[in-house]
Amino acid sequence: MSLEQAARLALQCLDLTSLNDGDTAADIEVLCTRAIGAPERGHVAAVCVWPKFVAQARAALPKDIRVAAVANFPDGSLDLPRVLAEIDAIAQAGAQEVDVVLPYRALMAGQSTEVGEFLSEVRHATRPLTLKVIIESGELGSPRASPRPRARR
């Protein structure tokens, strides 16, 4: 595979994202133009935007570029009614993908059953859309990074 072919393939696997607090319709217009790219270079797989910009992005993009939007972002809330309402709005606006933040604070607090139930409900609500789970790995840490209690002698 040539470098050009590899670059084209990589581009087709990327989501171009704009999730700034101050995003405007003009910002999303620029994002969509960038997502389409130049015909000789190809375009990205999807754009990811705030739910309020889904309809605009869908209208601006060709059908082969998917539109994704975020739910419970950036806080990763375990608030299921809120997330289900966000998913419904995202679907109604025409997105093909929903990106939900894993409720990492709840997971770190030992609420693994609740997190599992949350994800199950979210998966059910997003069908037939593509669901992506954002794992805030920087927030989760690792077992090796946490101090271990020392045995007393």
Protein backbone atom coordinates (compact mmCIF):
# COMPACT_ATOMS: atom_id res chain seq x y z
CA MET A 1 0.00 0.00 0.00
CA SER A 2 1.37 3.39 -0.94
CA LEU A 3 1.61 6.25 1.50
CA GLU A 4 -1.16 8.05 -0.39
CA GLN A 5 -3.44 5.00 -0.16
CA ALA A 6 -2.71 4.63 3.54
CA ALA A 7 -3.47 8.31 4.16
CA ARG A 8 -6.74 8.06 2.24
CA LEU A 9 -7.74 4.96 4.23
CA ALA A 10 -6.84 6.64 7.53
CA LEU A 11 -8.88 9.71 6.61
CA GLN A 12 -11.91 7.51 5.91
CA CYS A 13 -11.67 6.12 9.47
CA LEU A 14 -11.66 9.48 11.27
CA ASP A 15 -14.38 11.55 12.88
CA LEU A 16 -13.90 15.29 12.58
CA THR A 17 -15.17 16.82 15.81
CA SER A 18 -16.16 20.24 17.11
CA LEU A 19 -17.40 20.24 20.69
CA ASN A 20 -16.34 23.66 21.88
CA ASP A 21 -18.60 25.48 24.32
CA GLY A 22 -18.79 28.48 22.00
CA ASP A 23 -19.49 26.63 18.73
CA THR A 24 -21.76 28.50 16.34
CA ALA A 25 -23.58 27.61 13.14
CA ALA A 26 -20.70 29.23 11.24
CA ASP A 27 -18.20 26.93 13.01
CA ILE A 28 -20.25 23.89 12.01
CA GLU A 29 -20.40 25.11 8.42
CA VAL A 30 -16.59 25.28 8.34
CA LEU A 31 -16.34 21.85 9.99
CA CYS A 32 -18.61 20.30 7.36
CA THR A 33 -16.63 21.88 4.53
CA ARG A 34 -13.43 20.44 6.01
CA ALA A 35 -15.11 17.05 6.45
CA ILE A 36 -15.98 16.82 2.76
CA GLY A 37 -12.38 17.56 1.82
CA ALA A 38 -11.04 17.63 -1.72
CA PRO A 39 -12.27 14.96 -4.14
CA GLU A 40 -8.73 13.76 -4.82
CA ARG A 41 -8.06 13.27 -1.09
CA GLY A 42 -11.39 11.85 0.03
CA HIS A 43 -13.33 12.69 3.16
CA VAL A 44 -13.72 11.67 6.77
CA ALA A 45 -16.10 8.99 8.03
CA ALA A 46 -18.18 11.30 10.23
CA VAL A 47 -18.49 14.63 11.94
CA CYS A 48 -19.30 14.81 15.65
CA VAL A 49 -21.15 17.85 16.96
CA TRP A 50 -23.36 19.02 19.79
CA PRO A 51 -26.96 17.76 19.43
CA LYS A 52 -28.21 21.25 18.54
CA PHE A 53 -26.08 21.17 15.35
CA VAL A 54 -27.08 17.73 14.06
CA ALA A 55 -29.73 18.91 11.59
CA GLN A 56 -27.39 21.56 10.18
CA ALA A 57 -24.54 19.08 9.75
CA ARG A 58 -26.80 16.45 8.19
CA ALA A 59 -28.09 19.00 5.66
CA ALA A 60 -24.57 20.17 4.77
CA LEU A 61 -22.96 16.76 4.29
CA PRO A 62 -23.31 14.09 1.65
CA LYS A 63 -25.02 10.90 2.80
CA ASP A 64 -21.74 8.97 2.92
CA ILE A 65 -20.43 11.17 5.73
CA ARG A 66 -22.15 10.21 8.95
CA VAL A 67 -23.25 12.64 11.64
CA ALA A 68 -22.59 11.84 15.29
CA ALA A 69 -23.57 13.77 18.39
CA VAL A 70 -22.69 13.49 22.05
CA ALA A 71 -24.89 12.65 25.02
CA ASN A 72 -23.97 13.23 28.68
CA PHE A 73 -20.89 15.04 27.45
CA PRO A 74 -18.48 16.02 28.90
CA ASP A 75 -19.53 15.11 32.44
CA GLY A 76 -20.34 11.42 31.98
CA SER A 77 -23.49 11.71 34.07
CA LEU A 78 -25.36 8.60 35.17
CA ASP A 79 -28.62 10.59 34.77
CA LEU A 80 -30.50 8.15 32.52
CA PRO A 81 -33.61 10.32 31.87
CA ARG A 82 -31.36 13.18 30.71
CA VAL A 83 -29.33 10.90 28.43
CA LEU A 84 -32.43 9.25 26.94
CA ALA A 85 -33.85 12.69 26.12
CA GLU A 86 -30.57 13.69 24.49
CA ILE A 87 -30.51 10.46 22.46
CA ASP A 88 -34.06 11.05 21.27
CA ALA A 89 -33.23 14.60 20.18
CA ILE A 90 -30.09 13.37 18.38
CA ALA A 91 -32.03 10.66 16.54
CA GLN A 92 -34.90 12.99 15.63
CA ALA A 93 -32.44 15.51 14.17
CA GLY A 94 -31.03 12.90 11.77
CA ALA A 95 -27.76 11.66 13.27
CA GLN A 96 -26.53 8.16 12.53
CA GLU A 97 -24.30 7.87 15.62
CA VAL A 98 -24.50 8.66 19.31
CA ASP A 99 -21.35 9.09 21.39
CA VAL A 100 -22.04 8.63 25.11
CA VAL A 101 -19.54 9.16 27.90
CA LEU A 102 -19.00 6.15 30.14
CA PRO A 103 -20.14 7.25 33.62
CA TYR A 104 -16.58 7.02 34.88
CA ARG A 105 -17.17 8.74 38.22
CA ALA A 106 -19.86 6.21 39.08
CA LEU A 107 -17.59 3.38 37.93
CA MET A 108 -14.73 4.66 40.09
CA ALA A 109 -17.16 4.88 43.04
CA GLY A 110 -17.87 1.16 42.69
CA GLN A 111 -21.23 1.45 40.95
CA SER A 112 -20.36 -1.06 38.23
CA THR A 113 -23.85 -2.63 38.24
CA GLU A 114 -25.48 0.78 37.76
CA VAL A 115 -23.03 1.65 34.98
CA GLY A 116 -23.77 -1.67 33.25
CA GLU A 117 -27.52 -1.09 33.49
CA PHE A 118 -27.07 2.47 32.22
CA LEU A 119 -25.12 1.28 29.17
CA SER A 120 -27.68 -1.43 28.48
CA GLU A 121 -30.51 1.13 28.50
CA VAL A 122 -28.50 3.51 26.34
CA ARG A 123 -27.78 0.73 23.83
CA HIS A 124 -31.46 -0.13 23.66
CA ALA A 125 -32.42 3.54 23.14
CA THR A 126 -29.87 4.13 20.39
CA ARG A 127 -30.93 1.26 18.14
CA PRO A 128 -30.60 1.26 15.14
CA LEU A 129 -28.01 4.04 15.41
CA THR A 130 -24.32 3.35 15.94
CA LEU A 131 -23.34 3.75 19.60
CA LYS A 132 -19.83 4.74 20.61
CA VAL A 133 -18.80 4.84 24.26
CA ILE A 134 -16.26 7.49 25.20
CA ILE A 135 -13.93 6.09 27.82
CA GLU A 136 -12.28 8.84 29.82
CA SER A 137 -9.16 6.73 30.28
CA GLY A 138 -7.19 9.67 31.66
CA GLU A 139 -9.69 9.94 34.49
CA LEU A 140 -9.78 6.23 35.27
CA GLY A 141 -6.13 5.81 36.13
CA SER A 142 -4.73 2.33 36.48
CA PRO A 143 -4.23 -0.20 39.26
CA ARG A 144 -0.47 0.26 38.98
CA ALA A 145 -0.75 4.03 39.34
CA SER A 146 -2.73 3.85 42.56
CA PRO A 147 -0.89 3.54 45.81
CA ARG A 148 -1.29 0.16 47.39
CA PRO A 149 -1.77 -0.17 51.10
CA ARG A 150 1.36 -1.39 52.81
CA ALA A 151 1.19 -4.36 55.10
CA ARG A 152 1.89 -3.50 58.72
CA ARG A 153 4.69 -5.38 60.36
